[in-house]
Amino acid sequence: MKPKISEVIEGYTIKYHANGETIWSKGKIIDGRPDGYWEWYRIDGTIKRSGHFNQGEPIGEWTTYDASGKVYKVTKKKQQTLNKV
């Protein structure tokens, strides 16, 4: 599988589908991990999924959209807690 083409615009990492033209995902990467709000798109440009990361971990509500861009389902992600030694 060919790696996705990506670029950083105004602090947002944008990855493209294999065609190199339509956006596959968009969000910020901090210290090599996704952080904050992210979106994923279908090859036709409609939004597929969105949600938040905290230091690479998915948190809060994640929304999946149908092919027309309407909300299909919402799931809740629990933030993992790190064990302190």
N, C-alpha and C. Protein backbone atom coordinates (compact mmCIF):
# COMPACT_ATOMS: atom_id res chain seq x y z
N MET A 1 0.84 -1.18 0.00
CA MET A 1 0.00 0.00 0.00
C MET A 1 0.89 1.24 0.00
N LYS A 2 0.58 2.18 -0.83
CA LYS A 2 1.33 3.42 -0.97
C LYS A 2 1.07 4.33 0.23
N PRO A 3 2.13 4.95 0.81
CA PRO A 3 1.89 5.85 1.94
C PRO A 3 1.08 7.08 1.51
N LYS A 4 0.31 7.61 2.45
CA LYS A 4 -0.52 8.77 2.15
C LYS A 4 0.36 10.03 2.06
N ILE A 5 0.06 10.86 1.08
CA ILE A 5 0.72 12.14 0.95
C ILE A 5 0.17 13.04 2.04
N SER A 6 1.04 13.82 2.68
CA SER A 6 0.56 14.73 3.72
C SER A 6 1.32 16.04 3.64
N GLU A 7 0.72 17.06 4.24
CA GLU A 7 1.35 18.37 4.34
C GLU A 7 0.81 19.06 5.58
N VAL A 8 1.53 20.07 6.05
CA VAL A 8 1.09 20.84 7.21
C VAL A 8 0.75 22.24 6.73
N ILE A 9 -0.49 22.65 7.00
CA ILE A 9 -0.97 23.98 6.62
C ILE A 9 -1.52 24.65 7.88
N GLU A 10 -0.93 25.78 8.24
CA GLU A 10 -1.36 26.55 9.41
C GLU A 10 -1.49 25.66 10.66
N GLY A 11 -0.53 24.75 10.84
CA GLY A 11 -0.50 23.90 12.02
C GLY A 11 -1.32 22.62 11.92
N TYR A 12 -2.10 22.47 10.86
CA TYR A 12 -2.93 21.27 10.67
C TYR A 12 -2.24 20.30 9.72
N THR A 13 -2.15 19.04 10.13
CA THR A 13 -1.63 18.01 9.25
C THR A 13 -2.78 17.51 8.39
N ILE A 14 -2.58 17.57 7.09
CA ILE A 14 -3.60 17.13 6.14
C ILE A 14 -3.04 15.95 5.36
N LYS A 15 -3.73 14.81 5.43
CA LYS A 15 -3.33 13.62 4.68
C LYS A 15 -4.33 13.42 3.56
N TYR A 16 -3.84 12.96 2.41
CA TYR A 16 -4.67 12.80 1.23
C TYR A 16 -4.88 11.33 0.89
N HIS A 17 -6.03 11.06 0.26
CA HIS A 17 -6.30 9.72 -0.27
C HIS A 17 -5.22 9.36 -1.29
N ALA A 18 -5.17 8.10 -1.69
CA ALA A 18 -4.16 7.62 -2.63
C ALA A 18 -4.14 8.40 -3.95
N ASN A 19 -5.27 9.04 -4.29
CA ASN A 19 -5.30 9.82 -5.53
C ASN A 19 -4.49 11.12 -5.41
N GLY A 20 -4.08 11.46 -4.17
CA GLY A 20 -3.27 12.64 -3.92
C GLY A 20 -4.02 13.96 -4.02
N GLU A 21 -5.33 13.90 -4.18
CA GLU A 21 -6.12 15.11 -4.38
C GLU A 21 -7.14 15.37 -3.28
N THR A 22 -7.88 14.35 -2.88
CA THR A 22 -8.93 14.57 -1.89
C THR A 22 -8.40 14.28 -0.48
N ILE A 23 -8.85 15.07 0.47
CA ILE A 23 -8.38 14.95 1.85
C ILE A 23 -8.91 13.67 2.48
N TRP A 24 -8.02 12.94 3.15
CA TRP A 24 -8.37 11.74 3.90
C TRP A 24 -8.58 12.09 5.37
N SER A 25 -7.67 12.90 5.95
CA SER A 25 -7.83 13.30 7.35
C SER A 25 -7.19 14.67 7.57
N LYS A 26 -7.63 15.31 8.68
CA LYS A 26 -7.14 16.64 8.99
C LYS A 26 -7.18 16.86 10.49
N GLY A 27 -6.06 17.32 11.06
CA GLY A 27 -5.99 17.63 12.48
C GLY A 27 -4.57 18.03 12.86
N LYS A 28 -4.38 18.30 14.13
CA LYS A 28 -3.06 18.72 14.61
C LYS A 28 -2.30 17.54 15.19
N ILE A 29 -0.99 17.56 14.98
CA ILE A 29 -0.10 16.58 15.58
C ILE A 29 0.87 17.35 16.46
N ILE A 30 0.94 16.95 17.72
CA ILE A 30 1.83 17.58 18.68
C ILE A 30 2.71 16.49 19.29
N ASP A 31 4.00 16.71 19.23
CA ASP A 31 4.98 15.73 19.71
C ASP A 31 4.77 14.35 19.07
N GLY A 32 4.44 14.35 17.78
CA GLY A 32 4.28 13.10 17.03
C GLY A 32 2.98 12.37 17.24
N ARG A 33 2.04 12.96 18.01
CA ARG A 33 0.76 12.30 18.29
C ARG A 33 -0.40 13.21 17.93
N PRO A 34 -1.52 12.63 17.44
CA PRO A 34 -2.68 13.47 17.17
C PRO A 34 -3.19 14.11 18.46
N ASP A 35 -3.60 15.36 18.35
CA ASP A 35 -4.08 16.08 19.53
C ASP A 35 -5.18 17.05 19.09
N GLY A 36 -6.23 17.14 19.88
CA GLY A 36 -7.33 18.03 19.54
C GLY A 36 -8.31 17.39 18.57
N TYR A 37 -9.05 18.23 17.87
CA TYR A 37 -10.12 17.79 16.98
C TYR A 37 -9.56 17.28 15.66
N TRP A 38 -10.07 16.12 15.19
CA TRP A 38 -9.68 15.52 13.90
C TRP A 38 -10.92 15.17 13.10
N GLU A 39 -10.76 15.18 11.78
CA GLU A 39 -11.82 14.75 10.85
C GLU A 39 -11.23 13.81 9.81
N TRP A 40 -12.05 12.84 9.36
CA TRP A 40 -11.71 11.93 8.28
C TRP A 40 -12.78 12.06 7.20
N TYR A 41 -12.36 11.90 5.95
CA TYR A 41 -13.26 12.10 4.82
C TYR A 41 -13.24 10.91 3.87
N ARG A 42 -14.35 10.73 3.17
CA ARG A 42 -14.42 9.74 2.10
C ARG A 42 -13.74 10.32 0.86
N ILE A 43 -13.48 9.47 -0.10
CA ILE A 43 -12.81 9.91 -1.32
C ILE A 43 -13.63 10.94 -2.09
N ASP A 44 -14.97 10.94 -1.89
CA ASP A 44 -15.81 11.93 -2.59
C ASP A 44 -15.85 13.27 -1.85
N GLY A 45 -15.15 13.36 -0.70
CA GLY A 45 -15.06 14.61 0.04
C GLY A 45 -16.05 14.75 1.19
N THR A 46 -17.00 13.81 1.33
CA THR A 46 -17.94 13.90 2.45
C THR A 46 -17.26 13.46 3.74
N ILE A 47 -17.65 14.08 4.82
CA ILE A 47 -17.07 13.73 6.12
C ILE A 47 -17.51 12.33 6.51
N LYS A 48 -16.57 11.56 7.07
CA LYS A 48 -16.83 10.19 7.47
C LYS A 48 -16.85 10.04 9.00
N ARG A 49 -15.90 10.71 9.68
CA ARG A 49 -15.79 10.56 11.13
C ARG A 49 -15.10 11.77 11.71
N SER A 50 -15.43 12.07 12.97
CA SER A 50 -14.75 13.17 13.65
C SER A 50 -14.68 12.86 15.14
N GLY A 51 -13.65 13.42 15.78
CA GLY A 51 -13.49 13.23 17.21
C GLY A 51 -12.25 13.93 17.72
N HIS A 52 -12.04 13.81 19.02
CA HIS A 52 -10.93 14.49 19.68
C HIS A 52 -9.90 13.49 20.20
N PHE A 53 -8.65 13.94 20.20
CA PHE A 53 -7.55 13.21 20.81
C PHE A 53 -6.95 14.05 21.93
N ASN A 54 -6.42 13.37 22.92
CA ASN A 54 -5.61 14.01 23.95
C ASN A 54 -4.29 13.25 24.00
N GLN A 55 -3.24 13.87 23.48
CA GLN A 55 -1.91 13.26 23.43
C GLN A 55 -1.95 11.87 22.80
N GLY A 56 -2.66 11.73 21.68
CA GLY A 56 -2.71 10.48 20.94
C GLY A 56 -3.82 9.53 21.34
N GLU A 57 -4.51 9.80 22.44
CA GLU A 57 -5.59 8.93 22.90
C GLU A 57 -6.95 9.51 22.49
N PRO A 58 -7.82 8.70 21.86
CA PRO A 58 -9.16 9.20 21.53
C PRO A 58 -9.96 9.44 22.80
N ILE A 59 -10.63 10.59 22.86
CA ILE A 59 -11.42 10.95 24.05
C ILE A 59 -12.77 11.53 23.63
N GLY A 60 -13.71 11.54 24.56
CA GLY A 60 -14.98 12.21 24.34
C GLY A 60 -15.85 11.55 23.28
N GLU A 61 -16.71 12.36 22.68
CA GLU A 61 -17.64 11.85 21.67
C GLU A 61 -16.99 11.79 20.30
N TRP A 62 -17.21 10.66 19.63
CA TRP A 62 -16.75 10.47 18.25
C TRP A 62 -17.99 10.27 17.39
N THR A 63 -18.04 10.99 16.29
CA THR A 63 -19.22 10.97 15.42
C THR A 63 -18.88 10.30 14.10
N THR A 64 -19.75 9.37 13.68
CA THR A 64 -19.65 8.74 12.37
C THR A 64 -20.80 9.28 11.53
N TYR A 65 -20.50 9.62 10.28
CA TYR A 65 -21.48 10.23 9.38
C TYR A 65 -21.81 9.28 8.25
N ASP A 66 -23.06 9.35 7.74
CA ASP A 66 -23.44 8.53 6.59
C ASP A 66 -22.89 9.16 5.31
N ALA A 67 -23.15 8.53 4.19
CA ALA A 67 -22.59 8.99 2.91
C ALA A 67 -23.05 10.39 2.50
N SER A 68 -24.16 10.86 3.07
CA SER A 68 -24.62 12.21 2.73
C SER A 68 -24.11 13.25 3.74
N GLY A 69 -23.33 12.80 4.73
CA GLY A 69 -22.76 13.73 5.71
C GLY A 69 -23.61 13.94 6.94
N LYS A 70 -24.70 13.17 7.07
CA LYS A 70 -25.55 13.29 8.26
C LYS A 70 -25.06 12.34 9.34
N VAL A 71 -25.26 12.74 10.60
CA VAL A 71 -24.81 11.93 11.73
C VAL A 71 -25.46 10.55 11.68
N TYR A 72 -24.63 9.52 11.72
CA TYR A 72 -25.08 8.14 11.70
C TYR A 72 -25.07 7.57 13.11
N LYS A 73 -23.97 7.81 13.85
CA LYS A 73 -23.91 7.35 15.24
C LYS A 73 -22.86 8.16 16.00
N VAL A 74 -23.02 8.18 17.30
CA VAL A 74 -22.08 8.87 18.19
C VAL A 74 -21.65 7.86 19.25
N THR A 75 -20.34 7.74 19.43
CA THR A 75 -19.81 6.85 20.46
C THR A 75 -18.96 7.69 21.42
N LYS A 76 -18.86 7.21 22.65
CA LYS A 76 -18.07 7.92 23.66
C LYS A 76 -16.81 7.12 23.95
N LYS A 77 -15.71 7.81 23.94
CA LYS A 77 -14.42 7.20 24.26
C LYS A 77 -14.01 7.65 25.65
N LYS A 78 -13.51 6.72 26.43
CA LYS A 78 -13.03 7.04 27.76
C LYS A 78 -11.52 7.28 27.67
N GLN A 79 -11.07 8.33 28.34
CA GLN A 79 -9.65 8.59 28.36
C GLN A 79 -8.98 7.59 29.28
N GLN A 80 -7.88 7.00 28.78
CA GLN A 80 -7.15 6.06 29.60
C GLN A 80 -6.35 6.81 30.65
N THR A 81 -6.30 6.23 31.84
CA THR A 81 -5.50 6.85 32.89
C THR A 81 -4.16 6.13 32.96
N LEU A 82 -3.13 6.89 33.18
CA LEU A 82 -1.80 6.32 33.29
C LEU A 82 -1.51 6.00 34.76
N ASN A 83 -0.91 4.86 34.97
CA ASN A 83 -0.53 4.48 36.33
C ASN A 83 0.70 5.28 36.73
N LYS A 84 0.61 5.93 37.86
CA LYS A 84 1.76 6.68 38.36
C LYS A 84 2.55 5.79 39.30
N VAL A 85 3.84 5.82 39.13
CA VAL A 85 4.73 4.99 39.97
C VAL A 85 5.36 5.83 41.03
